[in-house]
C-alpha atoms as a PDB file:
ATOM      1  CA  MET A   1     -39.042  17.624  17.899  1.00  0.00           C
ATOM      2  CA  ALA A   2     -39.673  15.295  20.798  1.00  0.00           C
ATOM      3  CA  LEU A   3     -41.556  16.939  23.591  1.00  0.00           C
ATOM      4  CA  ASN A   4     -39.440  18.545  26.307  1.00  0.00           C
ATOM      5  CA  ASP A   5     -36.197  17.586  24.516  1.00  0.00           C
ATOM      6  CA  GLN A   6     -34.220  20.399  26.101  1.00  0.00           C
ATOM      7  CA  GLY A   7     -30.906  19.100  24.749  1.00  0.00           C
ATOM      8  CA  ALA A   8     -32.182  19.408  21.190  1.00  0.00           C
ATOM      9  CA  VAL A   9     -33.619  22.830  21.907  1.00  0.00           C
ATOM     10  CA  SER A  10     -30.346  24.069  23.362  1.00  0.00           C
ATOM     11  CA  GLU A  11     -28.394  22.822  20.355  1.00  0.00           C
ATOM     12  CA  GLN A  12     -30.888  24.230  17.881  1.00  0.00           C
ATOM     13  CA  TYR A  13     -30.648  27.705  19.388  1.00  0.00           C
ATOM     14  CA  ARG A  14     -27.049  27.680  20.638  1.00  0.00           C
ATOM     15  CA  THR A  15     -25.965  29.864  17.729  1.00  0.00           C
ATOM     16  CA  ALA A  16     -27.825  31.844  15.082  1.00  0.00           C
ATOM     17  CA  ASP A  17     -26.730  29.692  12.110  1.00  0.00           C
ATOM     18  CA  LYS A  18     -29.581  27.188  12.085  1.00  0.00           C
ATOM     19  CA  LEU A  19     -32.172  29.790  12.933  1.00  0.00           C
ATOM     20  CA  GLY A  20     -30.782  31.875  10.067  1.00  0.00           C
ATOM     21  CA  ILE A  21     -31.458  29.035   7.611  1.00  0.00           C
ATOM     22  CA  ARG A  22     -35.085  28.860   8.709  1.00  0.00           C
ATOM     23  CA  ILE A  23     -35.573  32.618   8.596  1.00  0.00           C
ATOM     24  CA  SER A  24     -34.052  32.721   5.103  1.00  0.00           C
ATOM     25  CA  LEU A  25     -36.461  30.088   3.779  1.00  0.00           C
ATOM     26  CA  HIS A  26     -39.469  32.030   5.025  1.00  0.00           C
ATOM     27  CA  ARG A  27     -38.167  35.297   3.640  1.00  0.00           C
ATOM     28  CA  ARG A  28     -37.482  33.874   0.219  1.00  0.00           C
ATOM     29  CA  TYR A  29     -40.564  31.752  -0.382  1.00  0.00           C
ATOM     30  CA  SER A  30     -43.451  33.066   1.742  1.00  0.00           C
ATOM     31  CA  THR A  31     -46.507  34.044  -0.281  1.00  0.00           C
ATOM     32  CA  ASN A  32     -47.439  36.759   2.212  1.00  0.00           C
ATOM     33  CA  ARG A  33     -44.840  39.384   1.389  1.00  0.00           C
ATOM     34  CA  GLN A  34     -45.458  41.419   4.535  1.00  0.00           C
ATOM     35  CA  GLY A  35     -43.356  38.924   6.451  1.00  0.00           C
ATOM     36  CA  PHE A  36     -44.299  37.326   9.763  1.00  0.00           C
ATOM     37  CA  GLY A  37     -41.900  39.479  11.767  1.00  0.00           C
ATOM     38  CA  SER A  38     -43.244  42.718  10.314  1.00  0.00           C
ATOM     39  CA  TRP A  39     -46.792  41.511  10.891  1.00  0.00           C
ATOM     40  CA  ILE A  40     -46.017  40.747  14.547  1.00  0.00           C
ATOM     41  CA  VAL A  41     -44.428  44.155  15.099  1.00  0.00           C
ATOM     42  CA  SER A  42     -47.425  45.862  13.475  1.00  0.00           C
ATOM     43  CA  HIS A  43     -49.522  44.704  16.433  1.00  0.00           C
ATOM     44  CA  TYR A  44     -47.264  46.268  19.057  1.00  0.00           C
ATOM     45  CA  ARG A  45     -48.762  49.312  20.753  1.00  0.00           C
ATOM     46  CA  ILE A  46     -45.755  51.007  22.281  1.00  0.00           C
ATOM     47  CA  GLU A  47     -46.288  54.540  23.586  1.00  0.00           C
ATOM     48  CA  ASN A  48     -43.591  57.043  24.499  1.00  0.00           C
ATOM     49  CA  GLY A  49     -41.686  56.121  27.650  1.00  0.00           C
ATOM     50  CA  MET A  50     -42.952  52.565  27.958  1.00  0.00           C
ATOM     51  CA  SER A  51     -40.796  49.878  29.531  1.00  0.00           C
ATOM     52  CA  VAL A  52     -40.514  46.818  27.254  1.00  0.00           C
ATOM     53  CA  LEU A  53     -39.068  43.350  27.874  1.00  0.00           C
ATOM     54  CA  GLU A  54     -38.662  40.749  25.138  1.00  0.00           C
ATOM     55  CA  LEU A  55     -38.042  37.164  26.236  1.00  0.00           C
ATOM     56  CA  GLY A  56     -36.448  34.861  23.680  1.00  0.00           C
ATOM     57  CA  CYS A  57     -35.394  37.675  21.363  1.00  0.00           C
ATOM     58  CA  GLY A  58     -33.329  35.366  19.140  1.00  0.00           C
ATOM     59  CA  THR A  59     -31.284  37.271  16.565  1.00  0.00           C
ATOM     60  CA  GLY A  60     -33.113  40.536  17.306  1.00  0.00           C
ATOM     61  CA  ASP A  61     -34.071  40.611  13.643  1.00  0.00           C
ATOM     62  CA  MET A  62     -37.602  41.867  14.200  1.00  0.00           C
ATOM     63  CA  TRP A  63     -36.233  45.070  15.731  1.00  0.00           C
ATOM     64  CA  ALA A  64     -33.961  45.809  12.769  1.00  0.00           C
ATOM     65  CA  GLY A  65     -35.052  49.008  11.042  1.00  0.00           C
ATOM     66  CA  GLN A  66     -37.540  49.795  13.806  1.00  0.00           C
ATOM     67  CA  ASP A  67     -35.764  52.981  14.919  1.00  0.00           C
ATOM     68  CA  GLU A  68     -38.963  54.898  15.598  1.00  0.00           C
ATOM     69  CA  LEU A  69     -40.471  52.088  17.631  1.00  0.00           C
ATOM     70  CA  ILE A  70     -37.275  51.643  19.652  1.00  0.00           C
ATOM     71  CA  GLY A  71     -37.094  55.398  20.174  1.00  0.00           C
ATOM     72  CA  ARG A  72     -40.480  55.373  21.883  1.00  0.00           C
ATOM     73  CA  CYS A  73     -39.286  52.919  24.518  1.00  0.00           C
ATOM     74  CA  GLY A  74     -38.220  54.424  27.807  1.00  0.00           C
ATOM     75  CA  ARG A  75     -36.486  51.094  28.423  1.00  0.00           C
ATOM     76  CA  LEU A  76     -36.054  48.187  26.016  1.00  0.00           C
ATOM     77  CA  ILE A  77     -34.505  44.939  27.238  1.00  0.00           C
ATOM     78  CA  LEU A  78     -33.904  42.144  24.755  1.00  0.00           C
ATOM     79  CA  SER A  79     -33.263  38.852  26.497  1.00  0.00           C
ATOM     80  CA  ASP A  80     -32.630  35.249  25.576  1.00  0.00           C
ATOM     81  CA  LEU A  81     -31.548  32.071  27.343  1.00  0.00           C
ATOM     82  CA  SER A  82     -28.883  31.546  24.661  1.00  0.00           C
ATOM     83  CA  GLU A  83     -25.751  33.675  24.879  1.00  0.00           C
ATOM     84  CA  GLY A  84     -25.105  32.876  21.214  1.00  0.00           C
ATOM     85  CA  MET A  85     -28.431  34.413  20.235  1.00  0.00           C
ATOM     86  CA  LEU A  86     -27.767  37.502  22.340  1.00  0.00           C
ATOM     87  CA  ALA A  87     -24.390  37.930  20.658  1.00  0.00           C
ATOM     88  CA  GLN A  88     -26.086  37.861  17.264  1.00  0.00           C
ATOM     89  CA  ALA A  89     -28.794  40.281  18.435  1.00  0.00           C
ATOM     90  CA  LYS A  90     -26.088  42.731  19.462  1.00  0.00           C
ATOM     91  CA  LYS A  91     -24.578  42.471  15.975  1.00  0.00           C
ATOM     92  CA  THR A  92     -27.966  42.887  14.333  1.00  0.00           C
ATOM     93  CA  LEU A  93     -28.642  46.075  16.285  1.00  0.00           C
ATOM     94  CA  GLU A  94     -25.072  47.247  16.797  1.00  0.00           C
ATOM     95  CA  ASN A  95     -25.832  50.818  15.708  1.00  0.00           C
ATOM     96  CA  GLN A  96     -29.010  51.050  17.749  1.00  0.00           C
ATOM     97  CA  LYS A  97     -28.783  52.989  21.000  1.00  0.00           C
ATOM     98  CA  GLY A  98     -30.996  52.494  24.005  1.00  0.00           C
ATOM     99  CA  VAL A  99     -31.181  48.690  23.896  1.00  0.00           C
ATOM    100  CA  ALA A 100     -30.051  46.498  26.809  1.00  0.00           C
ATOM    101  CA  TYR A 101     -29.241  42.795  26.440  1.00  0.00           C
ATOM    102  CA  ARG A 102     -29.677  40.242  29.203  1.00  0.00           C
ATOM    103  CA  THR A 103     -29.558  36.472  29.659  1.00  0.00           C
ATOM    104  CA  VAL A 104     -32.953  35.610  31.141  1.00  0.00           C
ATOM    105  CA  ASP A 105     -34.945  32.442  31.822  1.00  0.00           C
ATOM    106  CA  ILE A 106     -38.657  33.173  31.427  1.00  0.00           C
ATOM    107  CA  GLN A 107     -39.335  30.772  34.315  1.00  0.00           C
ATOM    108  CA  SER A 108     -37.416  33.059  36.672  1.00  0.00           C
ATOM    109  CA  ILE A 109     -37.461  36.637  35.420  1.00  0.00           C
ATOM    110  CA  PRO A 110     -34.976  38.738  37.445  1.00  0.00           C
ATOM    111  CA  TYR A 111     -37.067  41.915  37.642  1.00  0.00           C
ATOM    112  CA  ALA A 112     -39.392  43.359  40.241  1.00  0.00           C
ATOM    113  CA  ASP A 113     -43.165  43.083  40.189  1.00  0.00           C
ATOM    114  CA  ALA A 114     -44.963  45.401  37.746  1.00  0.00           C
ATOM    115  CA  SER A 115     -41.725  46.475  36.040  1.00  0.00           C
ATOM    116  CA  PHE A 116     -42.916  46.502  32.428  1.00  0.00           C
ATOM    117  CA  ASP A 117     -45.682  47.974  30.324  1.00  0.00           C
ATOM    118  CA  ILE A 118     -45.106  45.372  27.612  1.00  0.00           C
ATOM    119  CA  VAL A 119     -43.692  41.848  27.691  1.00  0.00           C
ATOM    120  CA  ILE A 120     -43.019  39.912  24.468  1.00  0.00           C
ATOM    121  CA  ALA A 121     -42.361  36.179  24.063  1.00  0.00           C
ATOM    122  CA  ASN A 122     -42.586  35.147  20.418  1.00  0.00           C
ATOM    123  CA  MET A 123     -42.188  31.614  19.072  1.00  0.00           C
ATOM    124  CA  MET A 124     -40.695  30.224  22.259  1.00  0.00           C
ATOM    125  CA  LEU A 125     -43.341  29.273  24.821  1.00  0.00           C
ATOM    126  CA  TYR A 126     -43.667  25.764  23.352  1.00  0.00           C
ATOM    127  CA  HIS A 127     -40.051  25.118  24.382  1.00  0.00           C
ATOM    128  CA  VAL A 128     -40.540  26.137  28.032  1.00  0.00           C
ATOM    129  CA  PRO A 129     -40.659  23.163  30.443  1.00  0.00           C
ATOM    130  CA  ASP A 130     -42.895  24.867  33.027  1.00  0.00           C
ATOM    131  CA  ARG A 131     -45.171  27.208  31.101  1.00  0.00           C
ATOM    132  CA  ARG A 132     -47.491  27.819  34.037  1.00  0.00           C
ATOM    133  CA  LYS A 133     -44.564  29.122  36.067  1.00  0.00           C
ATOM    134  CA  ALA A 134     -43.326  31.114  33.075  1.00  0.00           C
ATOM    135  CA  LEU A 135     -46.697  32.766  32.488  1.00  0.00           C
ATOM    136  CA  ALA A 136     -47.024  33.517  36.192  1.00  0.00           C
ATOM    137  CA  GLU A 137     -43.647  35.257  35.968  1.00  0.00           C
ATOM    138  CA  VAL A 138     -44.747  37.244  32.920  1.00  0.00           C
ATOM    139  CA  ARG A 139     -47.877  38.352  34.729  1.00  0.00           C
ATOM    140  CA  ARG A 140     -45.853  39.255  37.823  1.00  0.00           C
ATOM    141  CA  VAL A 141     -43.489  41.635  36.024  1.00  0.00           C
ATOM    142  CA  LEU A 142     -46.265  43.095  33.848  1.00  0.00           C
ATOM    143  CA  ARG A 143     -48.125  46.157  35.037  1.00  0.00           C
ATOM    144  CA  ASN A 144     -51.883  45.932  35.564  1.00  0.00           C
ATOM    145  CA  ASN A 145     -52.554  47.957  32.435  1.00  0.00           C
ATOM    146  CA  GLY A 146     -49.820  46.211  30.445  1.00  0.00           C
ATOM    147  CA  THR A 147     -49.864  43.943  27.404  1.00  0.00           C
ATOM    148  CA  PHE A 148     -48.315  40.546  26.711  1.00  0.00           C
ATOM    149  CA  TYR A 149     -47.576  39.606  23.095  1.00  0.00           C
ATOM    150  CA  CYS A 150     -46.814  35.986  22.217  1.00  0.00           C
ATOM    151  CA  ALA A 151     -46.637  34.610  18.683  1.00  0.00           C
ATOM    152  CA  THR A 152     -46.804  30.880  18.010  1.00  0.00           C
ATOM    153  CA  TYR A 153     -47.730  28.325  15.374  1.00  0.00           C
ATOM    154  CA  GLY A 154     -50.800  26.168  14.825  1.00  0.00           C
ATOM    155  CA  GLU A 155     -51.248  22.414  14.642  1.00  0.00           C
ATOM    156  CA  ASN A 156     -51.750  22.186  10.867  1.00  0.00           C
ATOM    157  CA  GLY A 157     -48.587  23.679   9.457  1.00  0.00           C
ATOM    158  CA  MET A 158     -45.165  22.893   8.027  1.00  0.00           C
ATOM    159  CA  MET A 159     -44.025  20.100  10.329  1.00  0.00           C
ATOM    160  CA  GLU A 160     -47.231  18.150   9.917  1.00  0.00           C
ATOM    161  CA  TYR A 161     -46.967  18.530   6.134  1.00  0.00           C
ATOM    162  CA  LEU A 162     -43.299  17.496   5.934  1.00  0.00           C
ATOM    163  CA  CYS A 163     -43.746  14.472   8.179  1.00  0.00           C
ATOM    164  CA  GLY A 164     -46.647  13.381   5.973  1.00  0.00           C
ATOM    165  CA  LEU A 165     -44.456  13.573   2.861  1.00  0.00           C
ATOM    166  CA  PHE A 166     -41.877  11.220   4.366  1.00  0.00           C
ATOM    167  CA  GLU A 167     -44.197   8.858   6.237  1.00  0.00           C
ATOM    168  CA  GLN A 168     -43.276   6.012   3.853  1.00  0.00           C
ATOM    169  CA  TYR A 169     -39.693   6.253   5.151  1.00  0.00           C
ATOM    170  CA  GLY A 170     -40.726   5.696   8.749  1.00  0.00           C
ATOM    171  CA  VAL A 171     -40.860   9.367   9.670  1.00  0.00           C
ATOM    172  CA  LYS A 172     -43.418   9.829  12.413  1.00  0.00           C
ATOM    173  CA  ASN A 173     -44.891  13.098  13.481  1.00  0.00           C
ATOM    174  CA  HIS A 174     -43.816  13.952  17.036  1.00  0.00           C
ATOM    175  CA  PRO A 175     -45.293  17.435  17.173  1.00  0.00           C
ATOM    176  CA  ASN A 176     -44.499  19.949  19.834  1.00  0.00           C
ATOM    177  CA  HIS A 177     -48.040  21.079  20.509  1.00  0.00           C
ATOM    178  CA  GLN A 178     -47.236  22.417  23.954  1.00  0.00           C
ATOM    179  CA  PHE A 179     -48.341  25.969  23.141  1.00  0.00           C
ATOM    180  CA  THR A 180     -50.221  26.477  19.869  1.00  0.00           C
ATOM    181  CA  LEU A 181     -52.877  28.697  18.351  1.00  0.00           C
ATOM    182  CA  GLN A 182     -55.354  25.985  19.252  1.00  0.00           C
ATOM    183  CA  ASN A 183     -54.489  25.569  22.950  1.00  0.00           C
ATOM    184  CA  GLY A 184     -52.676  28.785  23.875  1.00  0.00           C
ATOM    185  CA  GLU A 185     -55.707  30.728  25.043  1.00  0.00           C
ATOM    186  CA  ALA A 186     -56.573  28.077  27.621  1.00  0.00           C
ATOM    187  CA  GLN A 187     -53.046  28.316  29.033  1.00  0.00           C
ATOM    188  CA  LEU A 188     -53.102  32.111  29.123  1.00  0.00           C
ATOM    189  CA  SER A 189     -56.558  32.409  30.698  1.00  0.00           C
ATOM    190  CA  PRO A 190     -55.523  31.760  34.337  1.00  0.00           C
ATOM    191  CA  PHE A 191     -53.304  34.863  34.152  1.00  0.00           C
ATOM    192  CA  PHE A 192     -55.049  37.199  31.700  1.00  0.00           C
ATOM    193  CA  SER A 193     -58.679  38.245  31.335  1.00  0.00           C
ATOM    194  CA  ASP A 194     -58.551  39.815  27.856  1.00  0.00           C
ATOM    195  CA  ILE A 195     -57.008  37.442  25.305  1.00  0.00           C
ATOM    196  CA  ARG A 196     -57.243  37.981  21.559  1.00  0.00           C
ATOM    197  CA  ARG A 197     -55.976  35.696  18.807  1.00  0.00           C
ATOM    198  CA  TYR A 198     -54.772  36.993  15.451  1.00  0.00           C
ATOM    199  CA  ASP A 199     -53.990  34.699  12.501  1.00  0.00           C
ATOM    200  CA  TYR A 200     -51.311  35.344   9.897  1.00  0.00           C
ATOM    201  CA  HIS A 201     -52.346  33.929   6.528  1.00  0.00           C
ATOM    202  CA  ASP A 202     -49.381  32.545   4.601  1.00  0.00           C
ATOM    203  CA  ALA A 203     -47.805  29.575   2.820  1.00  0.00           C
ATOM    204  CA  LEU A 204     -44.507  28.662   1.182  1.00  0.00           C
ATOM    205  CA  GLU A 205     -43.966  28.203  -2.545  1.00  0.00           C
ATOM    206  CA  VAL A 206     -40.484  26.706  -2.679  1.00  0.00           C
ATOM    207  CA  THR A 207     -38.924  26.613  -6.153  1.00  0.00           C
ATOM    208  CA  ASP A 208     -35.537  25.193  -5.094  1.00  0.00           C
ATOM    209  CA  PRO A 209     -35.844  21.924  -3.138  1.00  0.00           C
ATOM    210  CA  GLU A 210     -32.213  22.293  -2.029  1.00  0.00           C
ATOM    211  CA  ASP A 211     -33.350  25.151   0.230  1.00  0.00           C
ATOM    212  CA  MET A 212     -36.057  22.985   1.801  1.00  0.00           C
ATOM    213  CA  ALA A 213     -33.501  20.221   2.354  1.00  0.00           C
ATOM    214  CA  ASP A 214     -31.272  22.753   4.130  1.00  0.00           C
ATOM    215  CA  TYR A 215     -34.248  23.768   6.259  1.00  0.00           C
ATOM    216  CA  ILE A 216     -34.880  20.153   7.237  1.00  0.00           C
ATOM    217  CA  GLY A 217     -31.220  19.779   8.143  1.00  0.00           C
ATOM    218  CA  SER A 218     -31.500  22.737  10.518  1.00  0.00           C
ATOM    219  CA  LEU A 219     -34.230  21.035  12.576  1.00  0.00           C
ATOM    220  CA  THR A 220     -31.990  19.425  15.178  1.00  0.00           C
ATOM    221  CA  GLY A 221     -34.753  17.622  17.032  1.00  0.00           C
ATOM    222  CA  MET A 222     -36.405  16.082  13.939  1.00  0.00           C
ATOM    223  CA  SER A 223     -33.953  13.176  13.900  1.00  0.00           C
ATOM    224  CA  GLU A 224     -36.024  10.716  11.824  1.00  0.00           C
ATOM    225  CA  LEU A 225     -36.503  13.271   9.081  1.00  0.00           C
ATOM    226  CA  ARG A 226     -33.098  14.914   9.319  1.00  0.00           C
ATOM    227  CA  GLN A 227     -31.205  11.616   9.113  1.00  0.00           C
ATOM    228  CA  LEU A 228     -32.670  10.631   5.770  1.00  0.00           C
ATOM    229  CA  PRO A 229     -30.111  10.800   2.927  1.00  0.00           C
ATOM    230  CA  ARG A 230     -30.154  14.169   1.223  1.00  0.00           C
ATOM    231  CA  GLU A 231     -30.907  12.574  -2.147  1.00  0.00           C
ATOM    232  CA  THR A 232     -33.968  10.913  -0.632  1.00  0.00           C
ATOM    233  CA  LEU A 233     -35.139  14.258   0.707  1.00  0.00           C
ATOM    234  CA  LEU A 234     -34.634  15.912  -2.657  1.00  0.00           C
ATOM    235  CA  SER A 235     -36.313  13.093  -4.577  1.00  0.00           C
ATOM    236  CA  VAL A 236     -39.466  13.235  -2.462  1.00  0.00           C
ATOM    237  CA  LEU A 237     -39.581  17.024  -2.465  1.00  0.00           C
ATOM    238  CA  ARG A 238     -39.227  17.179  -6.245  1.00  0.00           C
ATOM    239  CA  ALA A 239     -41.944  14.549  -6.693  1.00  0.00           C
ATOM    240  CA  HIS A 240     -44.415  16.785  -4.852  1.00  0.00           C
ATOM    241  CA  MET A 241     -43.647  19.954  -6.795  1.00  0.00           C
ATOM    242  CA  THR A 242     -46.385  21.334  -9.037  1.00  0.00           C
ATOM    243  CA  ASP A 243     -45.706  23.876 -11.755  1.00  0.00           C
ATOM    244  CA  GLY A 244     -42.179  24.253 -10.454  1.00  0.00           C
ATOM    245  CA  ALA A 245     -43.009  24.837  -6.799  1.00  0.00           C
ATOM    246  CA  LEU A 246     -43.473  22.872  -3.599  1.00  0.00           C
ATOM    247  CA  ARG A 247     -46.484  24.358  -1.823  1.00  0.00           C
ATOM    248  CA  VAL A 248     -46.150  24.078   1.943  1.00  0.00           C
ATOM    249  CA  PRO A 249     -48.928  25.175   4.324  1.00  0.00           C
ATOM    250  CA  LYS A 250     -48.099  27.486   7.209  1.00  0.00           C
ATOM    251  CA  GLU A 251     -50.174  28.227  10.290  1.00  0.00           C
ATOM    252  CA  TYR A 252     -48.905  31.090  12.404  1.00  0.00           C
ATOM    253  CA  GLY A 253     -50.423  33.788  14.531  1.00  0.00           C
ATOM    254  CA  MET A 254     -50.245  35.500  17.884  1.00  0.00           C
ATOM    255  CA  PHE A 255     -52.052  36.194  21.125  1.00  0.00           C
ATOM    256  CA  VAL A 256     -52.378  39.663  22.599  1.00  0.00           C
ATOM    257  CA  ALA A 257     -53.214  39.314  26.300  1.00  0.00           C
ATOM    258  CA  ARG A 258     -54.039  41.845  28.973  1.00  0.00           C
ATOM    259  CA  PRO A 259     -54.730  41.402  32.708  1.00  0.00           C
END
């Protein structure tokens, strides 16, 4: 995705359909069976009565089945900039009580100073135009003894691999490296004194190239790759399969930051 292409970002996350395709691929073919979402949630330290805000909650999928965790929250607000995502989150958690849903821009969080014990912003900071302002806002609404959780990807993962496969067709890598495992700590450090990085070890072993082609089609901003004929995509993907599987590297992890 081209850097700061907010039109592409808005389209990509306007509804849950395209995100659902990407989530499905990871669920079906990831070698780490714990699942990235479950791994993220396993790091949360939510005590009884805590006030929790998630920014960029997406489909709310990571909270599905987390009744005990939700029950500990004195207040849980799931927010997103996309109304389509919030609508899907409400469906995902329709039987879950005690959850509020709000449309929120991380660059201008509509809550008072020191309102939350925990703030969460997973897999979204690299899309934010003014991350310094966004992180200042996170720090503002976070209590002095609070915790900020933010998952992201690294610079040696799926997109780099896929662009390399199709380089002969003029596909160039235009990575969004605005907030990664490699540079995230430096961006967090002006606002947090205790920053810890955790890596999630995983890869994809894709046995049906049609699913990877669907994944590529869901990447709205990757125009050079997405506009290749489907048969070209499938031909290249099949050519790189070994023992019936396309092995795709993944680099994901998270930062846990405290003031």
